[in-house]
Amino acid sequence: GGGRGVSLHICQREAVSWRRLVAGLADALRNQGVSVPPPTFDPEASTRFLSVDFGHLDGGAAERALPGWAAAPLAQRLQETAAWWVGRQRESFEEKAAAAAAAGKRKSRT
């Protein structure tokens, strides 16, 4: 029989507040040329993220189970995430533009 899997938190070493996470992501998006307004916060609202509302997750078990693995700094991961997202948006836009251009060519031939 198969053994039971192990759940690991893959997370950052630093404890991150909700404000810092949102501000960091906004900065990362701005670095990619995205216009992002200054974030605003309702201090009474729940983020619905346990790691932000109640304290950061502990990645120690992941570090012990995955020799050689270490969390990268949050700022680095936010930059990578923003670059990935902006790239996907560009790809999607280019695919839609190409499809629209092809449809326009077909329509003009009829």
Foldseek 3Di string as FASTA:
>chain_A
DDDDDDDADQDAPDQDAPLRLVVLLCVLLVVVVDDDDRDDDDVVDDPPDCCRVPHHDDRVVVCVVPPPDHHDDPSVVSNVVSVVVVVVVVVVVVVVVVVVVVVVVVVVVD
